[in-house]
Amino acid sequence: MLKGRRVLEAAPILDQTAAFWDCCKKMLAAPLAAGYAYKNETDRLIVWPNGGRIRAKTAHDADSLRGDYADLLILDEFSLMNPNAWEEVGAPMLLDNDGDAIFIGTPKRKNHFFQFFVRGMGDTTGRWK
């Protein structure tokens, strides 16, 4: 966000996004208090003067991410999300700007997140590290 990037963090439930949101507000408390950045509690959105932003949303339903945009998409607890959160919404969201994605979580058996882990372990290009 400080470099003008649009950061979108998504997690399956509100409590998980709340932890991220609270951390962001704590780290940016001084500029927020000084009115340097815009904050919207309802939308969980902080906008920096350079156009960068941080937003936290729930992704219990991948469709809730549609219509948003990001340069950096953080899918927190991805193993608990439907795989289409990435396949149908997240990946297309990043195509316009060659954005980045971070997947966080613990694989639950051999589900879609485990497959991403395996892909990353075998990647020699650095794209899936």
Protein backbone atom coordinates (compact mmCIF):
# COMPACT_ATOMS: atom_id res chain seq x y z
CA MET A 1 0.00 0.00 0.00
CA LEU A 2 2.80 2.43 0.85
CA LYS A 3 4.14 1.95 -2.69
CA GLY A 4 0.78 2.62 -4.34
CA ARG A 5 -0.32 -1.01 -4.57
CA ARG A 6 -3.86 -2.12 -3.90
CA VAL A 7 -3.81 -4.87 -1.29
CA LEU A 8 -6.84 -7.09 -0.72
CA GLU A 9 -6.81 -9.57 2.14
CA ALA A 10 -9.55 -12.19 2.21
CA ALA A 11 -10.32 -14.92 4.73
CA PRO A 12 -13.26 -17.30 5.10
CA ILE A 13 -14.77 -15.74 8.23
CA LEU A 14 -15.09 -12.28 9.75
CA ASP A 15 -12.96 -13.07 12.81
CA GLN A 16 -10.00 -13.90 10.57
CA THR A 17 -10.26 -10.68 8.59
CA ALA A 18 -10.73 -8.77 11.85
CA ALA A 19 -7.30 -9.89 13.07
CA PHE A 20 -5.66 -8.60 9.88
CA TRP A 21 -7.69 -5.38 9.94
CA ASP A 22 -6.86 -4.66 13.57
CA CYS A 23 -3.16 -5.18 12.86
CA CYS A 24 -3.28 -2.77 9.91
CA LYS A 25 -4.99 -0.09 11.99
CA LYS A 26 -2.48 -0.52 14.80
CA MET A 27 0.51 -0.26 12.46
CA LEU A 28 -0.93 2.82 10.73
CA ALA A 29 -2.35 4.49 13.85
CA ALA A 30 -0.17 7.61 13.66
CA PRO A 31 -0.87 8.53 9.99
CA LEU A 32 -4.55 7.68 10.46
CA ALA A 33 -4.79 9.88 13.56
CA ALA A 34 -3.08 12.71 11.67
CA GLY A 35 -5.62 12.43 8.85
CA TYR A 36 -2.93 11.48 6.36
CA ALA A 37 -4.85 8.45 5.14
CA TYR A 38 -8.56 7.73 4.68
CA LYS A 39 -10.12 4.93 6.73
CA ASN A 40 -13.57 3.38 6.33
CA GLU A 41 -14.41 0.94 9.12
CA THR A 42 -17.54 -0.37 7.41
CA ASP A 43 -15.67 -1.41 4.28
CA ARG A 44 -12.46 -2.20 6.19
CA LEU A 45 -10.58 0.04 3.83
CA ILE A 46 -7.54 2.30 4.25
CA VAL A 47 -6.54 4.50 1.31
CA TRP A 48 -3.10 6.11 1.20
CA PRO A 49 -2.61 9.47 -0.58
CA ASN A 50 -0.67 7.80 -3.45
CA GLY A 51 -3.73 5.68 -4.31
CA GLY A 52 -2.49 2.59 -2.53
CA ARG A 53 -4.99 0.85 -0.34
CA ILE A 54 -5.57 -2.03 2.02
CA ARG A 55 -8.92 -3.75 2.21
CA ALA A 56 -10.04 -6.76 4.23
CA LYS A 57 -13.03 -8.85 3.09
CA THR A 58 -14.54 -12.18 3.95
CA ALA A 59 -14.44 -14.85 1.27
CA HIS A 60 -16.79 -17.48 2.66
CA ASP A 61 -18.35 -17.21 -0.77
CA ALA A 62 -15.90 -16.47 -3.58
CA ASP A 63 -18.50 -14.30 -5.29
CA SER A 64 -18.12 -11.77 -2.45
CA LEU A 65 -14.72 -10.87 -3.96
CA ARG A 66 -16.13 -10.12 -7.40
CA GLY A 67 -16.08 -6.51 -8.51
CA ASP A 68 -13.05 -5.70 -6.36
CA TYR A 69 -9.48 -5.32 -7.56
CA ALA A 70 -5.98 -5.83 -6.24
CA ASP A 71 -2.32 -5.67 -7.09
CA LEU A 72 -1.64 -8.00 -4.18
CA LEU A 73 -4.24 -10.57 -3.16
CA ILE A 74 -3.76 -12.31 0.18
CA LEU A 75 -5.93 -15.40 0.59
CA ASP A 76 -5.70 -16.23 4.29
CA GLU A 77 -6.73 -19.72 5.41
CA PHE A 78 -7.02 -20.67 1.76
CA SER A 79 -7.46 -24.35 2.62
CA LEU A 80 -10.84 -23.43 4.14
CA MET A 81 -12.00 -21.57 1.02
CA ASN A 82 -13.63 -22.95 -2.04
CA PRO A 83 -10.96 -23.39 -4.74
CA ASN A 84 -12.95 -21.10 -7.05
CA ALA A 85 -11.97 -18.18 -4.79
CA TRP A 86 -8.68 -18.37 -6.69
CA GLU A 87 -9.61 -20.03 -9.97
CA GLU A 88 -12.68 -17.99 -10.88
CA VAL A 89 -12.17 -14.73 -8.99
CA GLY A 90 -8.65 -14.19 -7.62
CA ALA A 91 -6.53 -15.12 -10.64
CA PRO A 92 -8.61 -13.10 -13.13
CA MET A 93 -8.53 -10.12 -10.72
CA LEU A 94 -4.73 -10.01 -11.00
CA LEU A 95 -4.46 -10.44 -14.78
CA ASP A 96 -4.87 -6.77 -15.69
CA ASN A 97 -1.89 -5.64 -13.66
CA ASP A 98 0.29 -8.75 -13.40
CA GLY A 99 -0.51 -8.78 -9.69
CA ASP A 100 0.76 -11.10 -6.99
CA ALA A 101 -0.99 -13.53 -4.68
CA ILE A 102 -0.08 -14.90 -1.28
CA PHE A 103 -1.76 -18.06 -0.03
CA ILE A 104 -1.73 -18.60 3.73
CA GLY A 105 -2.96 -21.60 5.66
CA THR A 106 -2.40 -25.20 6.56
CA PRO A 107 -3.22 -27.88 3.99
CA LYS A 108 -6.16 -29.99 5.12
CA ARG A 109 -5.35 -33.41 3.85
CA LYS A 110 -4.73 -33.34 0.11
CA ASN A 111 -7.10 -30.57 -0.88
CA HIS A 112 -6.57 -27.65 -3.26
CA PHE A 113 -4.15 -25.88 -0.91
CA PHE A 114 -2.01 -29.01 -0.69
CA GLN A 115 -1.89 -29.05 -4.49
CA PHE A 116 -0.60 -25.46 -4.45
CA PHE A 117 2.04 -26.47 -1.91
CA VAL A 118 3.18 -29.34 -4.14
CA ARG A 119 3.26 -27.00 -7.13
CA GLY A 120 5.42 -24.56 -5.18
CA MET A 121 7.85 -27.25 -4.04
CA GLY A 122 8.41 -28.41 -7.62
CA ASP A 123 8.55 -24.95 -9.22
CA THR A 124 11.89 -23.92 -10.68
CA THR A 125 10.66 -20.62 -12.17
CA GLY A 126 10.08 -18.87 -8.84
CA ARG A 127 6.50 -18.08 -9.78
CA TRP A 128 5.01 -20.46 -7.19
CA LYS A 129 7.61 -20.16 -4.43
